[in-house]
Amino acid sequence: MLIREIFPPSPKKETIRVLLLLSGGLDSVLAGCILQDQGLEIVGLTFESPFFGAERAVSEARRMNWPLVVVDITEEEIQIVEKPKYGYGRHMNPCLDCHLQMVRLAGQLLPRYQAAFVATGEVLGERPLSQNRQALQIVERESRLEGYVLRPLSAQLLPETEVEKKGWVKREALLDIQGRSRKRQMELAEKYQLEGYATPSGGCLLTDPGYSARLRKLRSWRGRLKKEDIWLLRYGRHFFGSDYWVVIGRDEGENRILKQLALPEDIKMTTVSKKGPQTVVRFKKKETPVKIREAALLTIRYSQARREEKAIVKWSSRAKEEKLELAKAEWSKYLTENYNLRSTSIAYRELTEDYNT
């Protein structure tokens, strides 16, 4: 867990301070507005990992002039995705386990930031798996914060918390929103003059069907999830062989990122004769010339050189650099529709290894 104070909290005031789980979505911002109306001091807390970022939270904290703490939970999140106690949603999203972890970590940070309790933007029934009554109770109980997790948007529909009993907030000033309708949130946004707020989609890659399919394949291919692999999985076109993985950039932005994400032992390659993508080849075991050649053929397939009769690919790894000259007859097998990965419904391709290795 790595903590960064993007907008550092000032010395604590005499008022009650609350750690607000700030995703950057409308609900969490509204929760903060409601508590701020009651005179509480807000300190935003958000989390980041390869699966979700903190950009929206940073933007909203800046707009609301709230302090913001960002916590990197990459290793903790990988452990949850590998083996969630409460299972997955529709894809690879362990939403209940993930939110439980965030609330538990927020609880651990209460003394550090001199905050009295944790608040969230959760709405009862908005997300059937992670925001039903049972799920909310599980989060409180297993985070060891029973009575000290306040959900201002739905508080009147939930048991009274210690926060309310102690008089830190007025229960009658909290709300009774439930379900998936956004009507009341939109009315509140108008009241608080919030414009251009983020949609409630969540922004988590684990809810994306294509990314989830690649992640399942990666776990099967590697046998476990590694941070370096997960970052690479976010970008490009993906091709999996039995013990090697080819990732090909789709535009200039991805080409730059792939160069940055390549490990010293990876193969980096691109076409020389004509403009082409950046390719990264990652091996489970030792690299072989035949598999490097196959990756080069795939690189040509997505380059401007695919229309030529011959093409040159340059590849490098550590201190080694070589060039391959290849003929169209060799890469023509990849010109079929099967290797047209423009469709977002195609998460990755398996590489058929019908050659001598």
Protein backbone atom coordinates (compact mmCIF):
# COMPACT_ATOMS: atom_id res chain seq x y z
CA MET A 1 0.00 0.00 0.00
CA LEU A 2 1.59 3.24 -1.18
CA ILE A 3 0.08 6.52 0.05
CA ARG A 4 0.30 9.82 -1.85
CA GLU A 5 -1.23 13.06 -0.64
CA ILE A 6 -2.23 14.77 -3.88
CA PHE A 7 -3.89 17.66 -2.05
CA PRO A 8 -2.52 17.36 1.51
CA PRO A 9 -4.97 17.88 4.38
CA SER A 10 -4.37 21.01 6.43
CA PRO A 11 -4.02 20.80 10.23
CA LYS A 12 -7.23 19.46 11.70
CA LYS A 13 -9.87 22.00 12.60
CA GLU A 14 -12.15 21.81 15.64
CA THR A 15 -14.94 20.33 13.52
CA ILE A 16 -15.44 16.61 12.96
CA ARG A 17 -13.29 15.29 10.13
CA VAL A 18 -14.51 12.46 7.85
CA LEU A 19 -12.63 10.26 5.39
CA LEU A 20 -14.79 10.21 2.26
CA LEU A 21 -14.28 7.39 -0.24
CA LEU A 22 -14.16 9.56 -3.34
CA SER A 23 -14.40 7.66 -6.62
CA GLY A 24 -14.98 10.83 -8.61
CA GLY A 25 -18.48 9.75 -9.57
CA LEU A 26 -21.52 11.85 -8.75
CA ASP A 27 -22.69 9.79 -5.76
CA SER A 28 -19.48 10.16 -3.77
CA VAL A 29 -19.31 13.90 -4.50
CA LEU A 30 -22.91 14.33 -3.35
CA ALA A 31 -22.18 12.39 -0.15
CA GLY A 32 -19.38 14.87 0.56
CA CYS A 33 -21.62 17.86 -0.17
CA ILE A 34 -24.30 16.61 2.23
CA LEU A 35 -21.77 16.16 5.03
CA GLN A 36 -20.11 19.48 4.30
CA ASP A 37 -23.53 21.12 4.64
CA GLN A 38 -23.58 19.81 8.23
CA GLY A 39 -20.26 21.47 8.98
CA LEU A 40 -18.00 18.45 8.69
CA GLU A 41 -14.47 18.64 7.31
CA ILE A 42 -13.98 16.44 4.23
CA VAL A 43 -10.79 14.56 3.40
CA GLY A 44 -11.13 12.60 0.18
CA LEU A 45 -9.64 9.12 -0.07
CA THR A 46 -9.34 7.21 -3.33
CA PHE A 47 -7.53 4.12 -4.59
CA GLU A 48 -5.62 3.16 -7.71
CA SER A 49 -4.38 -0.05 -9.33
CA PRO A 50 -3.85 -1.36 -12.87
CA PHE A 51 -7.61 -1.98 -12.97
CA PHE A 52 -8.77 1.54 -12.05
CA GLY A 53 -7.21 4.94 -11.71
CA ALA A 54 -7.56 8.02 -9.52
CA GLU A 55 -7.96 10.61 -12.29
CA ARG A 56 -11.67 11.28 -11.76
CA ALA A 57 -11.22 11.62 -8.01
CA VAL A 58 -8.34 14.06 -8.48
CA SER A 59 -10.47 16.15 -10.84
CA GLU A 60 -13.44 16.27 -8.46
CA ALA A 61 -11.32 16.96 -5.37
CA ARG A 62 -9.73 19.89 -7.20
CA ARG A 63 -13.15 21.22 -8.19
CA MET A 64 -14.58 20.83 -4.66
CA ASN A 65 -11.39 22.13 -3.00
CA TRP A 66 -11.13 18.99 -0.86
CA PRO A 67 -7.89 17.42 0.37
CA LEU A 68 -7.22 14.12 -1.39
CA VAL A 69 -5.22 11.05 -0.43
CA VAL A 70 -4.49 8.44 -3.13
CA VAL A 71 -3.57 4.90 -2.09
CA ASP A 72 -2.01 2.43 -4.53
CA ILE A 73 -3.40 -1.02 -3.74
CA THR A 74 -2.02 -2.95 -6.71
CA GLU A 75 -0.70 -5.94 -4.77
CA GLU A 76 -3.76 -6.11 -2.52
CA GLU A 77 -6.08 -5.92 -5.52
CA ILE A 78 -4.27 -8.70 -7.38
CA GLN A 79 -4.73 -10.99 -4.38
CA ILE A 80 -8.46 -10.29 -4.37
CA VAL A 81 -8.85 -10.82 -8.11
CA GLU A 82 -6.96 -14.11 -7.85
CA LYS A 83 -9.25 -15.49 -5.14
CA PRO A 84 -12.23 -13.37 -4.06
CA LYS A 85 -14.04 -14.53 -0.94
CA TYR A 86 -17.40 -13.37 -2.24
CA GLY A 87 -16.92 -14.26 -5.90
CA TYR A 88 -17.13 -12.28 -9.11
CA GLY A 89 -19.80 -10.19 -10.78
CA ARG A 90 -20.63 -10.76 -14.44
CA HIS A 91 -16.97 -10.71 -15.42
CA MET A 92 -13.72 -10.65 -13.38
CA ASN A 93 -15.01 -7.98 -11.01
CA PRO A 94 -14.94 -8.99 -7.32
CA CYS A 95 -16.93 -5.88 -6.37
CA LEU A 96 -17.89 -6.84 -2.83
CA ASP A 97 -14.39 -7.98 -1.88
CA CYS A 98 -12.90 -4.89 -3.49
CA HIS A 99 -15.16 -2.44 -1.70
CA LEU A 100 -14.68 -4.27 1.59
CA GLN A 101 -10.95 -3.88 1.18
CA MET A 102 -11.25 -0.16 0.48
CA VAL A 103 -13.41 0.45 3.55
CA ARG A 104 -11.10 -1.64 5.73
CA LEU A 105 -8.04 0.32 4.54
CA ALA A 106 -9.90 3.58 5.08
CA GLY A 107 -10.57 2.47 8.64
CA GLN A 108 -6.87 1.84 9.18
CA LEU A 109 -6.14 5.40 8.02
CA LEU A 110 -8.61 7.10 10.38
CA PRO A 111 -6.01 7.73 13.12
CA ARG A 112 -3.39 8.97 10.65
CA TYR A 113 -5.76 11.67 9.36
CA GLN A 114 -7.52 12.32 12.68
CA ALA A 115 -10.87 11.42 11.14
CA ALA A 116 -13.82 10.16 13.14
CA PHE A 117 -15.50 7.89 10.59
CA VAL A 118 -15.67 6.74 6.98
CA ALA A 119 -18.32 7.93 4.51
CA THR A 120 -19.18 6.50 1.08
CA GLY A 121 -21.44 7.42 -1.82
CA GLU A 122 -23.16 4.03 -1.85
CA VAL A 123 -26.86 3.93 -2.69
CA LEU A 124 -28.95 1.05 -1.40
CA GLY A 125 -29.94 -1.22 -4.29
CA GLU A 126 -28.06 0.73 -6.97
CA ARG A 127 -25.66 -2.16 -7.59
CA PRO A 128 -27.50 -5.44 -6.94
CA LEU A 129 -24.45 -7.49 -5.89
CA SER A 130 -22.41 -5.04 -3.85
CA GLN A 131 -24.95 -2.49 -2.58
CA ASN A 132 -27.75 -4.62 -1.22
CA ARG A 133 -28.46 -4.68 2.53
CA GLN A 134 -26.55 -7.89 3.16
CA ALA A 135 -23.50 -6.67 1.25
CA LEU A 136 -23.44 -3.37 3.15
CA GLN A 137 -23.61 -5.26 6.44
CA ILE A 138 -20.76 -7.56 5.37
CA VAL A 139 -18.58 -4.56 4.55
CA GLU A 140 -19.17 -2.97 7.95
CA ARG A 141 -18.69 -6.19 9.91
CA GLU A 142 -15.57 -7.46 8.16
CA SER A 143 -13.91 -4.05 8.01
CA ARG A 144 -14.38 -3.86 11.81
CA LEU A 145 -16.04 -0.49 11.42
CA GLU A 146 -19.55 -1.34 12.55
CA GLY A 147 -21.38 1.89 13.24
CA TYR A 148 -18.62 4.02 11.75
CA VAL A 149 -19.40 3.71 8.03
CA LEU A 150 -21.93 6.36 6.98
CA ARG A 151 -23.79 6.28 3.65
CA PRO A 152 -25.40 9.74 3.51
CA LEU A 153 -27.45 9.11 0.35
CA SER A 154 -29.33 6.13 1.85
CA ALA A 155 -28.78 6.56 5.59
CA GLN A 156 -32.48 6.93 6.46
CA LEU A 157 -33.15 3.49 4.98
CA LEU A 158 -30.36 1.85 6.99
CA PRO A 159 -29.84 1.17 10.71
CA GLU A 160 -28.77 4.18 12.72
CA THR A 161 -24.99 4.40 12.97
CA GLU A 162 -22.82 5.39 15.91
CA VAL A 163 -21.99 8.48 13.88
CA GLU A 164 -25.63 9.55 14.11
CA LYS A 165 -26.11 8.44 17.71
CA LYS A 166 -23.14 10.53 18.82
CA GLY A 167 -24.66 13.59 17.14
CA TRP A 168 -21.81 14.08 14.69
CA VAL A 169 -24.41 14.27 11.91
CA LYS A 170 -28.14 14.87 11.94
CA ARG A 171 -30.01 11.83 10.67
CA GLU A 172 -32.93 13.94 9.48
CA ALA A 173 -30.56 15.82 7.13
CA LEU A 174 -29.44 12.59 5.47
CA LEU A 175 -31.29 11.00 2.56
CA ASP A 176 -33.36 7.95 1.65
CA ILE A 177 -32.34 7.29 -1.96
CA GLN A 178 -32.51 3.74 -3.22
CA GLY A 179 -32.52 1.85 -6.51
CA ARG A 180 -30.96 2.53 -9.88
CA SER A 181 -32.86 5.67 -10.86
CA ARG A 182 -30.62 8.72 -11.07
CA LYS A 183 -33.40 11.30 -10.85
CA ARG A 184 -32.76 12.46 -7.29
CA GLN A 185 -29.00 12.53 -7.77
CA MET A 186 -29.45 14.73 -10.83
CA GLU A 187 -31.70 17.07 -8.83
CA LEU A 188 -29.04 17.27 -6.12
CA ALA A 189 -26.37 17.93 -8.71
CA GLU A 190 -28.38 20.91 -9.90
CA LYS A 191 -28.82 22.11 -6.31
CA TYR A 192 -25.06 21.96 -5.68
CA GLN A 193 -24.29 23.37 -9.15
CA LEU A 194 -22.32 20.30 -10.18
CA GLU A 195 -21.83 20.18 -13.94
CA GLY A 196 -19.96 17.76 -16.16
CA TYR A 197 -19.98 15.01 -13.54
CA ALA A 198 -18.86 11.49 -14.43
CA THR A 199 -21.29 8.78 -15.45
CA PRO A 200 -21.95 6.00 -12.90
CA SER A 201 -20.18 3.34 -15.01
CA GLY A 202 -17.48 2.87 -12.38
CA GLY A 203 -14.39 3.04 -14.59
CA CYS A 204 -13.08 -0.37 -13.53
CA LEU A 205 -11.52 -2.54 -16.24
CA LEU A 206 -12.62 -5.67 -14.41
CA THR A 207 -16.21 -4.95 -15.46
CA ASP A 208 -15.19 -4.82 -19.14
CA PRO A 209 -15.96 -8.12 -20.93
CA GLY A 210 -13.01 -7.91 -23.33
CA TYR A 211 -10.46 -7.06 -20.67
CA SER A 212 -11.86 -9.76 -18.37
CA ALA A 213 -11.54 -12.36 -21.12
CA ARG A 214 -7.88 -11.38 -21.62
CA LEU A 215 -7.26 -11.45 -17.88
CA ARG A 216 -8.68 -14.97 -17.58
CA LYS A 217 -6.50 -16.04 -20.49
CA LEU A 218 -3.44 -14.39 -18.93
CA ARG A 219 -4.01 -16.17 -15.63
CA SER A 220 -4.38 -19.48 -17.46
CA TRP A 221 -1.28 -18.81 -19.57
CA ARG A 222 0.96 -17.64 -16.72
CA GLY A 223 -0.55 -19.71 -13.92
CA ARG A 224 -0.90 -16.62 -11.72
CA LEU A 225 -1.31 -12.87 -12.06
CA LYS A 226 1.77 -10.62 -12.03
CA LYS A 227 1.74 -6.84 -11.81
CA GLU A 228 3.98 -6.43 -14.86
CA ASP A 229 1.71 -8.63 -16.98
CA ILE A 230 -1.46 -6.87 -15.87
CA TRP A 231 -0.15 -3.46 -16.93
CA LEU A 232 0.81 -4.83 -20.34
CA LEU A 233 -2.65 -6.37 -20.73
CA ARG A 234 -4.26 -2.92 -20.79
CA TYR A 235 -2.90 -1.98 -24.21
CA GLY A 236 -2.71 -3.26 -27.79
CA ARG A 237 -3.73 -6.41 -29.65
CA HIS A 238 -2.97 -9.68 -27.88
CA PHE A 239 -1.83 -13.05 -29.21
CA PHE A 240 -1.04 -16.01 -26.97
CA GLY A 241 1.14 -18.98 -27.85
CA SER A 242 1.85 -21.84 -25.46
CA ASP A 243 4.82 -20.07 -23.86
CA TYR A 244 4.97 -16.65 -25.49
CA TRP A 245 2.69 -13.63 -25.64
CA VAL A 246 2.70 -11.02 -28.40
CA VAL A 247 1.30 -7.52 -27.81
CA ILE A 248 1.02 -5.13 -30.77
CA GLY A 249 0.30 -1.42 -30.46
CA ARG A 250 -2.76 0.03 -32.22
CA ASP A 251 -1.69 3.68 -32.41
CA GLU A 252 1.19 6.02 -31.60
CA GLY A 253 0.07 6.46 -28.01
CA GLU A 254 0.02 2.73 -27.36
CA ASN A 255 3.35 2.30 -29.13
CA ARG A 256 4.98 4.70 -26.66
CA ILE A 257 3.36 3.00 -23.67
CA LEU A 258 4.40 -0.47 -24.82
CA LYS A 259 8.01 0.66 -25.05
CA GLN A 260 7.81 1.89 -21.47
CA LEU A 261 6.16 -1.30 -20.19
CA ALA A 262 8.61 -3.70 -21.86
CA LEU A 263 10.82 -5.56 -19.40
CA PRO A 264 14.57 -5.92 -20.07
CA GLU A 265 14.10 -9.58 -21.01
CA ASP A 266 11.21 -8.85 -23.40
CA ILE A 267 11.65 -8.64 -27.16
CA LYS A 268 10.79 -5.24 -28.65
CA MET A 269 10.29 -5.00 -32.39
CA THR A 270 8.92 -2.88 -35.21
CA THR A 271 9.12 -2.70 -38.99
CA VAL A 272 11.96 -0.76 -40.62
CA SER A 273 11.01 -0.80 -44.30
CA LYS A 274 7.59 0.80 -43.71
CA LYS A 275 5.83 2.43 -40.78
CA GLY A 276 4.62 -0.14 -38.31
CA PRO A 277 3.50 -0.75 -34.73
CA GLN A 278 5.54 -1.33 -31.62
CA THR A 279 5.44 -4.98 -30.59
CA VAL A 280 6.40 -6.52 -27.26
CA VAL A 281 7.01 -10.26 -26.97
CA ARG A 282 7.03 -11.79 -23.50
CA PHE A 283 8.17 -15.36 -22.89
CA LYS A 284 7.34 -17.71 -20.05
CA LYS A 285 10.56 -19.58 -20.68
CA LYS A 286 13.45 -19.04 -23.04
CA GLU A 287 13.01 -17.15 -26.29
CA THR A 288 13.46 -19.09 -29.55
CA PRO A 289 14.27 -17.82 -33.06
CA VAL A 290 11.14 -19.40 -34.53
CA LYS A 291 8.82 -17.63 -32.08
CA ILE A 292 10.60 -14.32 -32.60
CA ARG A 293 10.04 -14.84 -36.31
CA GLU A 294 6.32 -15.50 -35.79
CA ALA A 295 6.01 -12.31 -33.74
CA ALA A 296 7.77 -10.43 -36.55
CA LEU A 297 5.26 -11.77 -39.09
CA LEU A 298 2.40 -10.57 -36.91
CA THR A 299 4.05 -7.17 -36.61
CA ILE A 300 4.22 -6.89 -40.39
CA ARG A 301 0.55 -7.87 -40.64
CA TYR A 302 -0.40 -4.69 -38.73
CA SER A 303 2.11 -2.44 -40.50
CA GLN A 304 2.09 -0.62 -43.83
CA ALA A 305 4.63 -3.18 -45.03
CA ARG A 306 1.96 -5.90 -45.29
CA ARG A 307 1.23 -4.82 -48.88
CA GLU A 308 4.88 -5.16 -49.91
CA GLU A 309 6.57 -8.29 -51.25
CA LYS A 310 9.30 -8.09 -48.60
CA ALA A 311 9.67 -6.39 -45.23
CA ILE A 312 12.37 -5.83 -42.64
CA VAL A 313 11.70 -6.08 -38.90
CA LYS A 314 14.15 -4.85 -36.27
CA TRP A 315 14.07 -6.47 -32.84
CA SER A 316 16.05 -5.98 -29.66
CA SER A 317 16.38 -7.40 -26.15
CA ARG A 318 18.82 -6.29 -23.48
CA ALA A 319 22.06 -5.48 -25.38
CA LYS A 320 21.16 -7.55 -28.44
CA GLU A 321 19.69 -6.16 -31.67
CA GLU A 322 18.98 -7.93 -34.97
CA LYS A 323 17.04 -7.51 -38.20
CA LEU A 324 14.88 -10.02 -40.03
CA GLU A 325 14.06 -9.85 -43.74
CA LEU A 326 10.79 -11.64 -44.47
CA ALA A 327 8.72 -12.43 -47.57
CA LYS A 328 5.00 -11.86 -48.05
CA ALA A 329 4.41 -15.60 -48.47
CA GLU A 330 5.40 -15.99 -44.82
CA TRP A 331 3.03 -13.42 -43.31
CA SER A 332 0.13 -13.99 -45.69
CA LYS A 333 -1.37 -16.55 -43.26
CA TYR A 334 -2.02 -13.64 -40.88
CA LEU A 335 -3.85 -11.55 -43.51
CA THR A 336 -7.07 -13.53 -43.04
CA GLU A 337 -10.13 -12.12 -41.26
CA ASN A 338 -9.30 -14.27 -38.24
CA TYR A 339 -6.51 -11.83 -37.38
CA ASN A 340 -8.56 -8.66 -37.87
CA LEU A 341 -8.72 -7.50 -34.24
CA ARG A 342 -10.48 -4.20 -34.94
CA SER A 343 -13.68 -5.53 -33.42
CA THR A 344 -13.88 -4.83 -29.68
CA SER A 345 -15.69 -8.15 -29.25
CA ILE A 346 -12.44 -10.03 -29.98
CA ALA A 347 -10.35 -9.93 -26.80
CA TYR A 348 -7.32 -11.90 -28.04
CA ARG A 349 -6.23 -14.64 -30.44
CA GLU A 350 -4.62 -18.01 -29.84
CA LEU A 351 -1.53 -18.71 -31.93
CA THR A 352 -1.54 -22.09 -33.62
CA GLU A 353 1.90 -23.58 -33.30
CA ASP A 354 2.17 -25.83 -36.33
CA TYR A 355 5.87 -25.18 -36.82
CA ASN A 356 8.99 -26.84 -35.48
CA THR A 357 10.22 -25.18 -32.28
